[in-house]
Amino acid sequence: MTTIVDLLLFALAVPLALSCGYLLLLTLMSAAVPVPPRSSRQLRFDVVVPAHNEAAIIERTVASLRKIDWPADRFRIRVVADNCSDATAVLARSAGADVLERENKTLRGKGYALAFAFEAGAADGWAQAVVVIDADAEVSPNLLEAFAARIERGAAAVQAHYGVLNPWASWRTRLITIAKSCFHIVRSRARERLGVSCGVRGNGWCVTYDLLKRVPYRCFSLTEDLEYGIELGLAGVRVEYADEAHSDADMVAGEQVARKQRQRWEDGRFQLIRGKTLMLLAAAVRQPSRVCLDLGLDLLVLPLSYVALNAAAFVAAAALATTWDGRFAPWLIAAAACIGALALHVLRGWQLSGIGLRGAADLARVPGFLLWKVLVMLRRRSDGWVRTEREK
């Protein structure tokens, strides 16, 4: 009987220990990264905004992009009105954007909209680099400067911080703010220090057109951003992290919309885990490549909610086993160490999120959030790029 209990605890401990050890390493290396010297301000950029029926917010986004501190004759705002049935194209054009209208009822989704824009930009050859901004985002004025400074020093792909525009909308958006600080700031800073790739995060990323020629954009999955970051890693390209610039997007506050969005994100991530993990680990050994190794490890480390559920199960099992037989006490100590590492990671994310004591108080809602997460993932998942409902 003790052997069976040991095997059960071992099965719970191994994935948790590996995940928490990886997260602890990144936490310890999450000091701010140096900002490179200023650029010559000569690069030309296409700033692409993929939009599907975004009439309610597209003018706000274009207005934010027009405030970017960069020579006006060296960047253009290009809104891709993808299969729109509303006034997105008209409003974006009146706000000052160059609008590319796309109609294809079969090949639908953000990935197809981006590929369409990239092909158009490459064909006319006006810009040297392209930036992707979500239709519900607002950016910092230094966005293009942060990208240009790194491109002029040899970078071909750069990701700015992807933050939350509406952290005070609800407790849910504040928890998302903390989670994004863990995932985007803590991990990306550490990866930059380790010289590996921070990956592509879907909003606020930049690549050169020369890189798009080398690694064409053919990513049409539910998580097309993560997929392209992996393709870049397999091609030997790391995505650098611009800590000083940001593109912040609205996060959903209501349970219904959040549930649908979470189903799509999680489904897409698990598809990538199944399809890309072994490929990345094999490339890490074959090349060898620490970029591929880290991208593979990143896929294996599930979202924080899953790691927390694993930790809760391990603690409960170790406590029961120790109560039954004191010889299992080392397992309980190991569980406590994992909980400690995970807590440090979350607290570092909270610290960097800037949402203060109110956000810390919201962490008390995490057990309920974890239960909600389990219920969400037990329900049927959706396929394809479905526009997230905008909350009034």
Protein backbone atom coordinates (compact mmCIF):
# COMPACT_ATOMS: atom_id res chain seq x y z
CA MET A 1 0.00 0.00 0.00
CA THR A 2 2.81 2.43 0.84
CA THR A 3 4.37 1.79 -2.59
CA ILE A 4 1.11 2.72 -4.31
CA VAL A 5 0.85 5.93 -2.26
CA ASP A 6 4.47 6.79 -3.08
CA LEU A 7 3.79 6.30 -6.80
CA LEU A 8 0.70 8.50 -6.62
CA LEU A 9 2.58 11.25 -4.81
CA PHE A 10 5.49 10.93 -7.24
CA ALA A 11 3.09 11.36 -10.18
CA LEU A 12 1.70 14.54 -8.63
CA ALA A 13 5.12 15.85 -7.55
CA VAL A 14 7.17 15.58 -10.75
CA PRO A 15 5.20 17.92 -13.06
CA LEU A 16 4.62 20.34 -10.18
CA ALA A 17 8.28 20.41 -9.12
CA LEU A 18 9.48 20.96 -12.70
CA SER A 19 6.94 23.74 -13.29
CA CYS A 20 7.61 25.48 -9.99
CA GLY A 21 11.38 25.17 -10.39
CA TYR A 22 11.18 26.76 -13.84
CA LEU A 23 8.92 29.55 -12.57
CA LEU A 24 11.18 30.17 -9.57
CA LEU A 25 14.21 30.57 -11.86
CA LEU A 26 12.35 33.10 -14.00
CA THR A 27 11.14 34.95 -10.90
CA LEU A 28 14.66 35.30 -9.55
CA MET A 29 15.83 36.72 -12.90
CA SER A 30 12.98 39.22 -13.37
CA ALA A 31 14.86 42.46 -12.68
CA ALA A 32 14.28 45.21 -15.23
CA VAL A 33 16.20 44.75 -18.48
CA PRO A 34 18.44 47.56 -19.84
CA VAL A 35 16.96 49.95 -22.40
CA PRO A 36 19.08 50.20 -25.58
CA PRO A 37 20.40 53.54 -26.89
CA ARG A 38 17.98 55.60 -28.96
CA SER A 39 17.53 54.78 -32.62
CA SER A 40 18.25 56.98 -35.61
CA ARG A 41 14.45 57.26 -36.16
CA GLN A 42 14.87 56.34 -39.83
CA LEU A 43 12.99 53.03 -40.02
CA ARG A 44 9.58 52.88 -41.68
CA PHE A 45 6.82 50.83 -40.06
CA ASP A 46 3.48 49.39 -41.04
CA VAL A 47 1.25 49.29 -37.93
CA VAL A 48 -1.36 46.62 -38.66
CA VAL A 49 -4.65 46.33 -36.79
CA PRO A 50 -6.68 43.18 -37.62
CA ALA A 51 -10.35 44.01 -37.01
CA HIS A 52 -13.59 42.07 -37.32
CA ASN A 53 -16.71 44.16 -36.64
CA GLU A 54 -14.94 46.58 -34.31
CA ALA A 55 -16.90 49.74 -35.14
CA ALA A 56 -17.44 50.50 -31.45
CA ILE A 57 -13.73 50.87 -30.64
CA ILE A 58 -11.67 51.16 -33.82
CA GLU A 59 -11.57 54.98 -33.73
CA ARG A 60 -10.12 54.90 -30.21
CA THR A 61 -7.40 52.50 -31.30
CA VAL A 62 -6.45 54.53 -34.38
CA ALA A 63 -6.37 57.70 -32.27
CA SER A 64 -3.94 56.03 -29.87
CA LEU A 65 -1.70 54.91 -32.72
CA ARG A 66 -1.63 58.40 -34.21
CA LYS A 67 -0.10 59.65 -30.93
CA ILE A 68 2.98 57.46 -31.35
CA ASP A 69 6.16 59.53 -31.08
CA TRP A 70 7.63 58.74 -34.47
CA PRO A 71 8.05 60.79 -37.67
CA ALA A 72 4.63 60.87 -39.33
CA ASP A 73 6.10 60.12 -42.75
CA ARG A 74 7.77 56.94 -41.44
CA PHE A 75 4.80 54.93 -40.22
CA ARG A 76 1.37 54.15 -41.55
CA ILE A 77 -1.62 52.70 -39.75
CA ARG A 78 -3.26 49.87 -41.67
CA VAL A 79 -6.56 48.47 -40.44
CA VAL A 80 -7.55 45.11 -41.91
CA ALA A 81 -11.37 45.12 -41.99
CA ASP A 82 -11.77 41.36 -42.11
CA ASN A 83 -15.21 40.05 -43.14
CA CYS A 84 -16.85 43.06 -41.51
CA SER A 85 -20.59 43.65 -41.67
CA ASP A 86 -20.50 46.94 -39.75
CA ALA A 87 -18.88 50.36 -40.22
CA THR A 88 -15.37 49.33 -39.12
CA ALA A 89 -13.79 50.22 -42.49
CA VAL A 90 -15.56 53.58 -42.80
CA LEU A 91 -14.75 54.66 -39.24
CA ALA A 92 -11.12 53.52 -39.42
CA ARG A 93 -10.63 55.42 -42.67
CA SER A 94 -12.22 58.58 -41.28
CA ALA A 95 -9.98 58.32 -38.20
CA GLY A 96 -6.90 58.45 -40.43
CA ALA A 97 -6.03 54.81 -41.10
CA ASP A 98 -5.26 53.12 -44.38
CA VAL A 99 -7.91 50.39 -44.65
CA LEU A 100 -7.45 46.99 -46.27
CA GLU A 101 -10.79 45.28 -46.74
CA ARG A 102 -10.85 41.49 -46.89
CA GLU A 103 -13.77 39.20 -47.71
CA ASN A 104 -13.38 35.45 -47.47
CA LYS A 105 -16.14 33.46 -45.79
CA THR A 106 -14.10 30.24 -45.79
CA LEU A 107 -10.64 31.35 -44.63
CA ARG A 108 -11.62 33.38 -41.60
CA GLY A 109 -9.68 34.51 -38.57
CA LYS A 110 -6.96 36.75 -37.23
CA GLY A 111 -4.19 34.68 -38.79
CA TYR A 112 -5.64 35.07 -42.28
CA ALA A 113 -6.15 38.81 -41.73
CA LEU A 114 -2.51 39.21 -40.69
CA ALA A 115 -1.20 37.15 -43.60
CA PHE A 116 -3.25 39.36 -45.94
CA ALA A 117 -1.74 42.54 -44.47
CA PHE A 118 1.80 41.15 -44.47
CA GLU A 119 1.54 40.18 -48.12
CA ALA A 120 0.26 43.65 -49.02
CA GLY A 121 3.08 45.35 -47.09
CA ALA A 122 5.75 43.13 -48.61
CA ALA A 123 4.38 43.71 -52.10
CA ASP A 124 4.65 47.50 -52.02
CA GLY A 125 7.99 47.48 -50.16
CA TRP A 126 7.39 50.80 -48.38
CA ALA A 127 8.18 49.72 -44.82
CA GLN A 128 11.07 47.79 -43.31
CA ALA A 129 9.08 46.35 -40.40
CA VAL A 130 5.50 45.59 -39.42
CA VAL A 131 3.83 45.94 -36.01
CA VAL A 132 0.67 44.10 -34.91
CA ILE A 133 -1.78 45.82 -32.57
CA ASP A 134 -5.12 44.42 -31.41
CA ALA A 135 -8.26 46.34 -32.34
CA ASP A 136 -9.09 47.02 -28.67
CA ALA A 137 -5.62 48.22 -27.66
CA GLU A 138 -3.94 51.48 -26.76
CA VAL A 139 -0.17 51.86 -27.04
CA SER A 140 2.59 53.82 -25.35
CA PRO A 141 4.02 56.69 -27.44
CA ASN A 142 7.51 55.11 -27.39
CA LEU A 143 6.36 51.87 -29.05
CA LEU A 144 8.10 52.32 -32.41
CA GLU A 145 11.21 53.77 -30.79
CA ALA A 146 11.53 50.65 -28.63
CA PHE A 147 11.24 48.43 -31.71
CA ALA A 148 13.56 50.54 -33.89
CA ALA A 149 16.30 50.71 -31.24
CA ARG A 150 16.46 46.92 -31.16
CA ILE A 151 16.11 46.37 -34.91
CA GLU A 152 19.01 48.73 -35.57
CA ARG A 153 21.10 46.60 -33.19
CA GLY A 154 20.30 43.42 -35.12
CA ALA A 155 16.94 42.20 -33.79
CA ALA A 156 14.44 40.84 -36.30
CA ALA A 157 11.50 40.26 -33.93
CA VAL A 158 10.48 42.22 -30.83
CA GLN A 159 7.58 41.96 -28.36
CA ALA A 160 6.45 44.89 -26.20
CA HIS A 161 4.71 44.39 -22.89
CA TYR A 162 1.11 43.27 -23.42
CA GLY A 163 -0.85 44.73 -20.53
CA VAL A 164 -4.42 45.26 -19.39
CA LEU A 165 -6.21 48.48 -20.33
CA ASN A 166 -9.10 48.11 -17.87
CA PRO A 167 -7.72 46.56 -14.65
CA TRP A 168 -10.28 48.32 -12.47
CA ALA A 169 -13.33 46.97 -14.33
CA SER A 170 -13.75 44.01 -11.95
CA TRP A 171 -11.93 41.57 -9.70
CA ARG A 172 -11.59 39.32 -12.75
CA THR A 173 -9.65 41.92 -14.76
CA ARG A 174 -7.39 42.57 -11.78
CA LEU A 175 -6.56 38.87 -11.49
CA ILE A 176 -5.89 38.85 -15.24
CA THR A 177 -3.59 41.84 -14.74
CA ILE A 178 -1.58 39.90 -12.15
CA ALA A 179 -1.50 36.80 -14.36
CA LYS A 180 -0.33 38.83 -17.36
CA SER A 181 2.36 40.45 -15.25
CA CYS A 182 3.58 36.96 -14.34
CA PHE A 183 3.39 35.69 -17.89
CA HIS A 184 4.54 38.79 -19.76
CA ILE A 185 6.78 40.81 -17.47
CA VAL A 186 8.34 38.28 -15.09
CA ARG A 187 8.92 35.58 -17.68
CA SER A 188 9.85 37.93 -20.54
CA ARG A 189 12.39 39.86 -18.47
CA ALA A 190 14.02 36.63 -17.38
CA ARG A 191 14.09 35.25 -20.89
CA GLU A 192 15.68 38.42 -22.17
CA ARG A 193 18.39 38.06 -19.52
CA LEU A 194 18.88 34.39 -20.48
CA GLY A 195 19.18 35.30 -24.17
CA VAL A 196 16.18 33.19 -25.22
CA SER A 197 12.90 34.12 -26.89
CA CYS A 198 10.04 35.82 -25.06
CA GLY A 199 7.76 34.57 -27.85
CA VAL A 200 4.98 36.37 -29.70
CA ARG A 201 2.02 37.45 -27.54
CA GLY A 202 -0.55 38.46 -30.17
CA ASN A 203 -0.62 42.18 -29.38
CA GLY A 204 2.28 44.64 -29.52
CA TRP A 205 4.75 42.59 -31.56
CA CYS A 206 7.01 43.55 -34.44
CA VAL A 207 8.94 41.70 -37.14
CA THR A 208 10.97 42.91 -40.07
CA TYR A 209 9.76 42.22 -43.59
CA ASP A 210 13.10 40.53 -44.27
CA LEU A 211 12.27 38.05 -41.50
CA LEU A 212 8.81 37.45 -42.99
CA LYS A 213 10.57 36.45 -46.22
CA ARG A 214 12.72 33.96 -44.29
CA VAL A 215 9.92 32.66 -42.07
CA PRO A 216 6.60 33.25 -43.87
CA TYR A 217 3.56 33.80 -41.70
CA ARG A 218 1.35 30.73 -42.11
CA CYS A 219 -0.20 30.48 -38.66
CA PHE A 220 -3.98 30.07 -38.58
CA SER A 221 -4.63 28.19 -35.35
CA LEU A 222 -6.60 29.42 -32.33
CA THR A 223 -3.33 30.70 -30.87
CA GLU A 224 -1.67 31.96 -34.02
CA ASP A 225 0.60 34.30 -32.05
CA LEU A 226 2.21 31.57 -29.94
CA GLU A 227 2.45 29.39 -33.03
CA TYR A 228 4.42 32.00 -34.98
CA GLY A 229 6.75 32.60 -32.04
CA ILE A 230 7.47 28.86 -32.07
CA GLU A 231 8.06 28.87 -35.83
CA LEU A 232 10.56 31.69 -35.36
CA GLY A 233 12.32 29.71 -32.63
CA LEU A 234 12.54 26.63 -34.84
CA ALA A 235 14.12 28.87 -37.50
CA GLY A 236 16.74 30.01 -34.98
CA VAL A 237 15.22 33.46 -34.35
CA ARG A 238 14.59 34.75 -30.85
CA VAL A 239 11.97 37.38 -30.09
CA GLU A 240 13.48 40.17 -27.99
CA TYR A 241 11.52 41.86 -25.21
CA ALA A 242 10.91 45.63 -25.07
CA ASP A 243 10.15 46.16 -21.39
CA GLU A 244 9.82 49.94 -21.65
CA ALA A 245 6.98 49.99 -24.20
CA HIS A 246 3.49 48.55 -24.00
CA SER A 247 0.29 47.81 -25.86
CA ASP A 248 -2.62 47.41 -23.44
CA ALA A 249 -5.91 45.80 -24.42
CA ASP A 250 -9.35 45.50 -22.84
CA MET A 251 -10.00 42.32 -20.87
CA VAL A 252 -13.51 40.98 -20.38
CA ALA A 253 -15.01 41.51 -16.94
CA GLY A 254 -18.19 39.43 -17.19
CA GLU A 255 -18.33 35.68 -16.54
CA GLN A 256 -20.16 34.68 -19.73
CA VAL A 257 -17.82 36.38 -22.18
CA ALA A 258 -14.77 35.38 -20.12
CA ARG A 259 -15.85 31.74 -20.25
CA LYS A 260 -16.07 31.71 -24.05
CA GLN A 261 -12.75 33.51 -24.42
CA ARG A 262 -11.01 31.17 -21.96
CA GLN A 263 -12.31 28.11 -23.80
CA ARG A 264 -10.75 29.34 -27.05
CA TRP A 265 -7.40 30.24 -25.49
CA GLU A 266 -7.04 26.98 -23.59
CA ASP A 267 -8.10 24.87 -26.55
CA GLY A 268 -5.54 26.57 -28.77
CA ARG A 269 -2.75 26.18 -26.23
CA PHE A 270 -3.39 22.47 -25.78
CA GLN A 271 -3.35 22.02 -29.55
CA LEU A 272 0.11 23.59 -29.61
CA ILE A 273 1.32 21.44 -26.72
CA ARG A 274 0.30 18.31 -28.61
CA GLY A 275 1.68 19.47 -31.94
CA LYS A 276 4.86 21.41 -31.11
CA THR A 277 6.43 20.28 -27.81
CA LEU A 278 8.29 17.24 -29.10
CA MET A 279 9.33 19.14 -32.20
CA LEU A 280 10.85 21.92 -30.09
CA LEU A 281 12.64 19.55 -27.72
CA ALA A 282 14.03 17.55 -30.64
CA ALA A 283 15.28 20.76 -32.28
CA ALA A 284 16.83 21.83 -28.97
CA VAL A 285 18.95 18.68 -28.98
CA ARG A 286 19.61 18.49 -32.71
CA GLN A 287 20.73 22.08 -33.37
CA PRO A 288 21.42 22.50 -30.33
CA SER A 289 19.24 25.47 -29.37
CA ARG A 290 18.49 26.95 -25.96
CA VAL A 291 15.77 29.04 -27.64
CA CYS A 292 13.91 25.89 -28.70
CA LEU A 293 14.53 24.28 -25.32
CA ASP A 294 12.98 27.22 -23.48
CA LEU A 295 10.00 27.42 -25.87
CA GLY A 296 9.41 23.71 -25.31
CA LEU A 297 9.62 24.11 -21.53
CA ASP A 298 7.25 27.06 -21.73
CA LEU A 299 4.66 24.90 -23.47
CA LEU A 300 5.06 22.16 -20.88
CA VAL A 301 4.44 24.62 -18.03
CA LEU A 302 0.67 24.90 -18.09
CA PRO A 303 -1.17 28.14 -17.21
CA LEU A 304 -0.87 29.18 -13.56
CA SER A 305 -4.38 27.98 -12.73
CA TYR A 306 -3.45 24.42 -13.74
CA VAL A 307 -0.19 24.58 -11.78
CA ALA A 308 -2.17 25.80 -8.75
CA LEU A 309 -4.65 22.92 -9.14
CA ASN A 310 -1.74 20.48 -9.32
CA ALA A 311 -0.28 22.04 -6.16
CA ALA A 312 -3.59 21.80 -4.31
CA ALA A 313 -3.96 18.12 -5.24
CA PHE A 314 -0.37 17.36 -4.18
CA VAL A 315 -0.73 19.16 -0.83
CA ALA A 316 -4.02 17.41 -0.06
CA ALA A 317 -2.65 13.98 -0.99
CA ALA A 318 0.62 14.51 0.93
CA ALA A 319 -1.25 15.74 4.01
CA LEU A 320 -3.58 12.75 4.01
CA ALA A 321 -0.69 10.35 3.51
CA THR A 322 1.33 11.96 6.32
CA THR A 323 -1.66 11.78 8.66
CA TRP A 324 -1.94 8.07 7.89
CA ASP A 325 1.81 7.39 8.14
CA GLY A 326 4.50 9.85 9.28
CA ARG A 327 7.00 8.37 6.83
CA PHE A 328 5.32 10.40 4.07
CA ALA A 329 6.27 13.72 5.73
CA PRO A 330 9.06 14.48 3.17
CA TRP A 331 6.37 14.59 0.47
CA LEU A 332 4.53 17.24 2.48
CA ILE A 333 7.73 19.26 2.80
CA ALA A 334 8.23 19.02 -0.97
CA ALA A 335 4.65 20.18 -1.51
CA ALA A 336 5.23 23.18 0.76
CA ALA A 337 8.40 24.08 -1.19
CA CYS A 338 6.47 24.00 -4.47
CA ILE A 339 3.71 26.16 -2.99
CA GLY A 340 6.34 28.62 -1.83
CA ALA A 341 7.95 28.89 -5.27
CA LEU A 342 4.56 29.36 -6.92
CA ALA A 343 3.58 32.00 -4.36
CA LEU A 344 6.80 33.94 -4.99
CA HIS A 345 6.09 33.92 -8.73
CA VAL A 346 2.55 35.22 -8.24
CA LEU A 347 3.62 37.85 -5.70
CA ARG A 348 6.31 39.09 -8.07
CA GLY A 349 3.67 39.40 -10.78
CA TRP A 350 1.43 41.29 -8.37
CA GLN A 351 4.30 43.62 -7.45
CA LEU A 352 5.02 44.43 -11.10
CA SER A 353 1.33 44.77 -12.01
CA GLY A 354 1.04 48.06 -10.13
CA ILE A 355 -2.51 47.42 -8.93
CA GLY A 356 -1.65 47.65 -5.24
CA LEU A 357 -3.49 46.37 -2.21
CA ARG A 358 -6.82 46.04 -3.97
CA GLY A 359 -5.28 43.55 -6.35
CA ALA A 360 -3.66 41.70 -3.45
CA ALA A 361 -7.06 41.40 -1.78
CA ASP A 362 -8.50 39.97 -4.99
CA LEU A 363 -6.03 37.09 -4.76
CA ALA A 364 -8.34 35.71 -2.06
CA ARG A 365 -10.76 34.95 -4.91
CA VAL A 366 -8.29 32.55 -6.53
CA PRO A 367 -9.87 29.33 -5.11
CA GLY A 368 -13.24 30.30 -6.57
CA PHE A 369 -11.58 31.24 -9.84
CA LEU A 370 -9.88 27.84 -9.99
CA LEU A 371 -13.22 26.09 -9.51
CA TRP A 372 -14.72 28.22 -12.28
CA LYS A 373 -11.77 27.35 -14.50
CA VAL A 374 -12.32 23.62 -14.01
CA LEU A 375 -16.01 23.97 -14.90
CA VAL A 376 -15.14 26.00 -18.00
CA MET A 377 -12.72 23.40 -19.31
CA LEU A 378 -15.23 20.58 -18.78
CA ARG A 379 -17.63 22.28 -21.15
CA ARG A 380 -17.54 22.10 -24.93
CA ARG A 381 -14.86 24.21 -26.56
CA SER A 382 -15.28 26.39 -29.63
CA ASP A 383 -13.27 26.49 -32.83
CA GLY A 384 -12.07 29.34 -35.00
CA TRP A 385 -11.52 33.04 -34.47
CA VAL A 386 -14.65 34.32 -32.78
CA ARG A 387 -14.68 38.02 -32.04
CA THR A 388 -14.83 38.67 -28.32
CA GLU A 389 -17.97 40.57 -27.32
CA ARG A 390 -17.20 44.14 -26.28
CA GLU A 391 -18.65 45.02 -22.93
CA LYS A 392 -20.47 48.33 -22.66
